Amino acid sequence: MTDKLRARFQKEKRMMSQRKDYHIYSCPGCGQKIRIPRGGFKKVEIECPKCHTKFIKRR
């Protein structure tokens, strides 16, 4: 039981450390989380690798 809880906290810790270098978006089609490197773009068009839905996000 504690293994599941520990794994969840480790996953959250990794996600928080990646937020410095990446924007993390969720696909509106399937809910897959997608990492996009931080940069100077105002708008970015993202294609989900899982369901191939294309969507535009502002930074």
PDB file of N, CA and C in Angstrom:
ATOM      1  N   MET A   1       0.822  -1.197   0.000  1.00  0.00           N
ATOM      2  CA  MET A   1       0.000   0.000   0.000  1.00  0.00           C
ATOM      3  C   MET A   1       0.864   1.257   0.000  1.00  0.00           C
ATOM      4  N   THR A   2       1.915   1.242   0.783  1.00  0.00           N
ATOM      5  CA  THR A   2       2.764   2.437   0.807  1.00  0.00           C
ATOM      6  C   THR A   2       3.546   2.594  -0.487  1.00  0.00           C
ATOM      7  N   ASP A   3       3.741   1.502  -1.230  1.00  0.00           N
ATOM      8  CA  ASP A   3       4.464   1.591  -2.497  1.00  0.00           C
ATOM      9  C   ASP A   3       3.703   2.452  -3.503  1.00  0.00           C
ATOM     10  N   LYS A   4       2.386   2.302  -3.553  1.00  0.00           N
ATOM     11  CA  LYS A   4       1.579   3.102  -4.472  1.00  0.00           C
ATOM     12  C   LYS A   4       1.625   4.576  -4.090  1.00  0.00           C
ATOM     13  N   LEU A   5       1.543   4.839  -2.812  1.00  0.00           N
ATOM     14  CA  LEU A   5       1.579   6.219  -2.331  1.00  0.00           C
ATOM     15  C   LEU A   5       2.946   6.843  -2.596  1.00  0.00           C
ATOM     16  N   ARG A   6       3.990   6.081  -2.340  1.00  0.00           N
ATOM     17  CA  ARG A   6       5.346   6.571  -2.569  1.00  0.00           C
ATOM     18  C   ARG A   6       5.589   6.842  -4.053  1.00  0.00           C
ATOM     19  N   ALA A   7       5.107   5.960  -4.921  1.00  0.00           N
ATOM     20  CA  ALA A   7       5.263   6.145  -6.364  1.00  0.00           C
ATOM     21  C   ALA A   7       4.532   7.395  -6.838  1.00  0.00           C
ATOM     22  N   ARG A   8       3.366   7.638  -6.278  1.00  0.00           N
ATOM     23  CA  ARG A   8       2.605   8.838  -6.670  1.00  0.00           C
ATOM     24  C   ARG A   8       3.354  10.110  -6.293  1.00  0.00           C
ATOM     25  N   PHE A   9       3.916  10.150  -5.085  1.00  0.00           N
ATOM     26  CA  PHE A   9       4.655  11.336  -4.663  1.00  0.00           C
ATOM     27  C   PHE A   9       5.930  11.518  -5.478  1.00  0.00           C
ATOM     28  N   GLN A  10       6.594  10.433  -5.852  1.00  0.00           N
ATOM     29  CA  GLN A  10       7.788  10.530  -6.684  1.00  0.00           C
ATOM     30  C   GLN A  10       7.439  11.067  -8.068  1.00  0.00           C
ATOM     31  N   LYS A  11       6.291  10.643  -8.596  1.00  0.00           N
ATOM     32  CA  LYS A  11       5.841  11.144  -9.899  1.00  0.00           C
ATOM     33  C   LYS A  11       5.568  12.642  -9.826  1.00  0.00           C
ATOM     34  N   GLU A  12       4.904  13.092  -8.778  1.00  0.00           N
ATOM     35  CA  GLU A  12       4.622  14.525  -8.604  1.00  0.00           C
ATOM     36  C   GLU A  12       5.912  15.319  -8.454  1.00  0.00           C
ATOM     37  N   LYS A  13       6.884  14.749  -7.753  1.00  0.00           N
ATOM     38  CA  LYS A  13       8.161  15.424  -7.560  1.00  0.00           C
ATOM     39  C   LYS A  13       8.882  15.600  -8.896  1.00  0.00           C
ATOM     40  N   ARG A  14       8.869  14.560  -9.751  1.00  0.00           N
ATOM     41  CA  ARG A  14       9.479  14.663 -11.076  1.00  0.00           C
ATOM     42  C   ARG A  14       8.776  15.709 -11.933  1.00  0.00           C
ATOM     43  N   MET A  15       7.436  15.740 -11.861  1.00  0.00           N
ATOM     44  CA  MET A  15       6.677  16.714 -12.650  1.00  0.00           C
ATOM     45  C   MET A  15       7.027  18.141 -12.218  1.00  0.00           C
ATOM     46  N   MET A  16       7.149  18.365 -10.946  1.00  0.00           N
ATOM     47  CA  MET A  16       7.464  19.712 -10.455  1.00  0.00           C
ATOM     48  C   MET A  16       8.874  20.131 -10.850  1.00  0.00           C
ATOM     49  N   SER A  17       9.818  19.196 -10.868  1.00  0.00           N
ATOM     50  CA  SER A  17      11.182  19.554 -11.268  1.00  0.00           C
ATOM     51  C   SER A  17      11.261  19.835 -12.767  1.00  0.00           C
ATOM     52  N   GLN A  18      10.396  19.224 -13.573  1.00  0.00           N
ATOM     53  CA  GLN A  18      10.409  19.450 -15.007  1.00  0.00           C
ATOM     54  C   GLN A  18       9.732  20.759 -15.399  1.00  0.00           C
ATOM     55  N   ARG A  19       8.953  21.337 -14.537  1.00  0.00           N
ATOM     56  CA  ARG A  19       8.240  22.572 -14.874  1.00  0.00           C
ATOM     57  C   ARG A  19       9.184  23.752 -15.087  1.00  0.00           C
ATOM     58  N   LYS A  20      10.425  23.653 -14.632  1.00  0.00           N
ATOM     59  CA  LYS A  20      11.388  24.729 -14.874  1.00  0.00           C
ATOM     60  C   LYS A  20      11.766  24.795 -16.349  1.00  0.00           C
ATOM     61  N   ASP A  21      11.859  23.646 -16.992  1.00  0.00           N
ATOM     62  CA  ASP A  21      12.347  23.571 -18.366  1.00  0.00           C
ATOM     63  C   ASP A  21      11.251  23.339 -19.400  1.00  0.00           C
ATOM     64  N   TYR A  22      10.082  22.880 -18.977  1.00  0.00           N
ATOM     65  CA  TYR A  22       9.026  22.505 -19.905  1.00  0.00           C
ATOM     66  C   TYR A  22       7.678  23.086 -19.495  1.00  0.00           C
ATOM     67  N   HIS A  23       6.837  23.354 -20.502  1.00  0.00           N
ATOM     68  CA  HIS A  23       5.418  23.597 -20.271  1.00  0.00           C
ATOM     69  C   HIS A  23       4.755  22.233 -20.390  1.00  0.00           C
ATOM     70  N   ILE A  24       3.832  21.926 -19.520  1.00  0.00           N
ATOM     71  CA  ILE A  24       3.144  20.641 -19.568  1.00  0.00           C
ATOM     72  C   ILE A  24       1.674  20.910 -19.851  1.00  0.00           C
ATOM     73  N   TYR A  25       1.192  20.385 -20.981  1.00  0.00           N
ATOM     74  CA  TYR A  25      -0.183  20.571 -21.405  1.00  0.00           C
ATOM     75  C   TYR A  25      -0.883  19.226 -21.461  1.00  0.00           C
ATOM     76  N   SER A  26      -2.200  19.250 -21.328  1.00  0.00           N
ATOM     77  CA  SER A  26      -3.005  18.043 -21.485  1.00  0.00           C
ATOM     78  C   SER A  26      -3.737  18.110 -22.815  1.00  0.00           C
ATOM     79  N   CYS A  27      -3.782  16.988 -23.501  1.00  0.00           N
ATOM     80  CA  CYS A  27      -4.490  16.905 -24.772  1.00  0.00           C
ATOM     81  C   CYS A  27      -5.988  16.964 -24.508  1.00  0.00           C
ATOM     82  N   PRO A  28      -6.732  17.811 -25.242  1.00  0.00           N
ATOM     83  CA  PRO A  28      -8.180  17.874 -25.045  1.00  0.00           C
ATOM     84  C   PRO A  28      -8.905  16.633 -25.566  1.00  0.00           C
ATOM     85  N   GLY A  29      -8.246  15.879 -26.450  1.00  0.00           N
ATOM     86  CA  GLY A  29      -8.890  14.696 -27.022  1.00  0.00           C
ATOM     87  C   GLY A  29      -8.816  13.472 -26.129  1.00  0.00           C
ATOM     88  N   CYS A  30      -7.612  13.200 -25.590  1.00  0.00           N
ATOM     89  CA  CYS A  30      -7.434  11.957 -24.835  1.00  0.00           C
ATOM     90  C   CYS A  30      -6.919  12.161 -23.418  1.00  0.00           C
ATOM     91  N   GLY A  31      -6.474  13.380 -23.064  1.00  0.00           N
ATOM     92  CA  GLY A  31      -5.995  13.638 -21.713  1.00  0.00           C
ATOM     93  C   GLY A  31      -4.515  13.348 -21.509  1.00  0.00           C
ATOM     94  N   GLN A  32      -3.814  12.935 -22.551  1.00  0.00           N
ATOM     95  CA  GLN A  32      -2.381  12.650 -22.467  1.00  0.00           C
ATOM     96  C   GLN A  32      -1.623  13.921 -22.098  1.00  0.00           C
ATOM     97  N   LYS A  33      -0.649  13.833 -21.192  1.00  0.00           N
ATOM     98  CA  LYS A  33       0.173  14.980 -20.836  1.00  0.00           C
ATOM     99  C   LYS A  33       1.322  15.093 -21.823  1.00  0.00           C
ATOM    100  N   ILE A  34       1.570  16.323 -22.289  1.00  0.00           N
ATOM    101  CA  ILE A  34       2.577  16.570 -23.311  1.00  0.00           C
ATOM    102  C   ILE A  34       3.535  17.636 -22.799  1.00  0.00           C
ATOM    103  N   ARG A  35       4.850  17.366 -22.891  1.00  0.00           N
ATOM    104  CA  ARG A  35       5.865  18.328 -22.486  1.00  0.00           C
ATOM    105  C   ARG A  35       6.339  19.106 -23.697  1.00  0.00           C
ATOM    106  N   ILE A  36       6.340  20.426 -23.586  1.00  0.00           N
ATOM    107  CA  ILE A  36       6.825  21.311 -24.641  1.00  0.00           C
ATOM    108  C   ILE A  36       7.941  22.159 -24.028  1.00  0.00           C
ATOM    109  N   PRO A  37       9.130  22.203 -24.654  1.00  0.00           N
ATOM    110  CA  PRO A  37      10.222  23.010 -24.090  1.00  0.00           C
ATOM    111  C   PRO A  37       9.831  24.484 -23.987  1.00  0.00           C
ATOM    112  N   ARG A  38      10.281  25.121 -22.922  1.00  0.00           N
ATOM    113  CA  ARG A  38      10.007  26.542 -22.758  1.00  0.00           C
ATOM    114  C   ARG A  38      10.800  27.325 -23.797  1.00  0.00           C
ATOM    115  N   GLY A  39      10.186  28.373 -24.317  1.00  0.00           N
ATOM    116  CA  GLY A  39      10.849  29.184 -25.332  1.00  0.00           C
ATOM    117  C   GLY A  39      10.149  30.514 -25.472  1.00  0.00           C
ATOM    118  N   GLY A  40      10.478  31.243 -26.519  1.00  0.00           N
ATOM    119  CA  GLY A  40       9.949  32.576 -26.703  1.00  0.00           C
ATOM    120  C   GLY A  40       8.725  32.659 -27.586  1.00  0.00           C
ATOM    121  N   PHE A  41       8.103  31.544 -27.890  1.00  0.00           N
ATOM    122  CA  PHE A  41       6.946  31.571 -28.776  1.00  0.00           C
ATOM    123  C   PHE A  41       5.697  32.018 -28.023  1.00  0.00           C
ATOM    124  N   LYS A  42       4.861  32.808 -28.699  1.00  0.00           N
ATOM    125  CA  LYS A  42       3.603  33.248 -28.081  1.00  0.00           C
ATOM    126  C   LYS A  42       2.533  32.175 -28.210  1.00  0.00           C
ATOM    127  N   LYS A  43       2.430  31.582 -29.411  1.00  0.00           N
ATOM    128  CA  LYS A  43       1.470  30.507 -29.644  1.00  0.00           C
ATOM    129  C   LYS A  43       2.219  29.302 -30.176  1.00  0.00           C
ATOM    130  N   VAL A  44       1.767  28.127 -29.801  1.00  0.00           N
ATOM    131  CA  VAL A  44       2.399  26.913 -30.283  1.00  0.00           C
ATOM    132  C   VAL A  44       1.307  25.926 -30.688  1.00  0.00           C
ATOM    133  N   GLU A  45       1.503  25.285 -31.850  1.00  0.00           N
ATOM    134  CA  GLU A  45       0.568  24.260 -32.296  1.00  0.00           C
ATOM    135  C   GLU A  45       1.144  22.908 -31.888  1.00  0.00           C
ATOM    136  N   ILE A  46       0.356  22.138 -31.176  1.00  0.00           N
ATOM    137  CA  ILE A  46       0.807  20.875 -30.614  1.00  0.00           C
ATOM    138  C   ILE A  46       0.007  19.744 -31.254  1.00  0.00           C
ATOM    139  N   GLU A  47       0.720  18.680 -31.625  1.00  0.00           N
ATOM    140  CA  GLU A  47       0.041  17.472 -32.101  1.00  0.00           C
ATOM    141  C   GLU A  47       0.278  16.374 -31.072  1.00  0.00           C
ATOM    142  N   CYS A  48      -0.794  15.802 -30.589  1.00  0.00           N
ATOM    143  CA  CYS A  48      -0.708  14.750 -29.578  1.00  0.00           C
ATOM    144  C   CYS A  48      -0.104  13.493 -30.212  1.00  0.00           C
ATOM    145  N   PRO A  49       0.920  12.907 -29.590  1.00  0.00           N
ATOM    146  CA  PRO A  49       1.522  11.700 -30.149  1.00  0.00           C
ATOM    147  C   PRO A  49       0.641  10.460 -29.993  1.00  0.00           C
ATOM    148  N   LYS A  50      -0.334  10.532 -29.112  1.00  0.00           N
ATOM    149  CA  LYS A  50      -1.186   9.365 -28.860  1.00  0.00           C
ATOM    150  C   LYS A  50      -2.394   9.320 -29.800  1.00  0.00           C
ATOM    151  N   CYS A  51      -3.127  10.436 -29.903  1.00  0.00           N
ATOM    152  CA  CYS A  51      -4.366  10.442 -30.710  1.00  0.00           C
ATOM    153  C   CYS A  51      -4.269  11.330 -31.943  1.00  0.00           C
ATOM    154  N   HIS A  52      -3.152  12.036 -32.126  1.00  0.00           N
ATOM    155  CA  HIS A  52      -2.881  12.896 -33.284  1.00  0.00           C
ATOM    156  C   HIS A  52      -3.856  14.071 -33.407  1.00  0.00           C
ATOM    157  N   THR A  53      -4.420  14.512 -32.289  1.00  0.00           N
ATOM    158  CA  THR A  53      -5.240  15.716 -32.270  1.00  0.00           C
ATOM    159  C   THR A  53      -4.312  16.930 -32.283  1.00  0.00           C
ATOM    160  N   LYS A  54      -4.633  17.931 -33.102  1.00  0.00           N
ATOM    161  CA  LYS A  54      -3.842  19.161 -33.136  1.00  0.00           C
ATOM    162  C   LYS A  54      -4.605  20.246 -32.386  1.00  0.00           C
ATOM    163  N   PHE A  55      -3.872  20.985 -31.545  1.00  0.00           N
ATOM    164  CA  PHE A  55      -4.484  22.093 -30.804  1.00  0.00           C
ATOM    165  C   PHE A  55      -3.443  23.178 -30.609  1.00  0.00           C
ATOM    166  N   ILE A  56      -3.915  24.401 -30.382  1.00  0.00           N
ATOM    167  CA  ILE A  56      -3.052  25.567 -30.233  1.00  0.00           C
ATOM    168  C   ILE A  56      -3.131  26.062 -28.792  1.00  0.00           C
ATOM    169  N   LYS A  57      -1.977  26.328 -28.214  1.00  0.00           N
ATOM    170  CA  LYS A  57      -1.914  26.857 -26.855  1.00  0.00           C
ATOM    171  C   LYS A  57      -1.113  28.142 -26.858  1.00  0.00           C
ATOM    172  N   ARG A  58      -1.511  29.074 -26.014  1.00  0.00           N
ATOM    173  CA  ARG A  58      -0.728  30.287 -25.780  1.00  0.00           C
ATOM    174  C   ARG A  58       0.155  30.040 -24.589  1.00  0.00           C
ATOM    175  N   ARG A  59       1.322  30.673 -24.582  1.00  0.00           N
ATOM    176  CA  ARG A  59       2.239  30.477 -23.451  1.00  0.00           C
ATOM    177  C   ARG A  59       2.028  31.509 -22.402  1.00  0.00           C
TER     178      ARG A  59
END
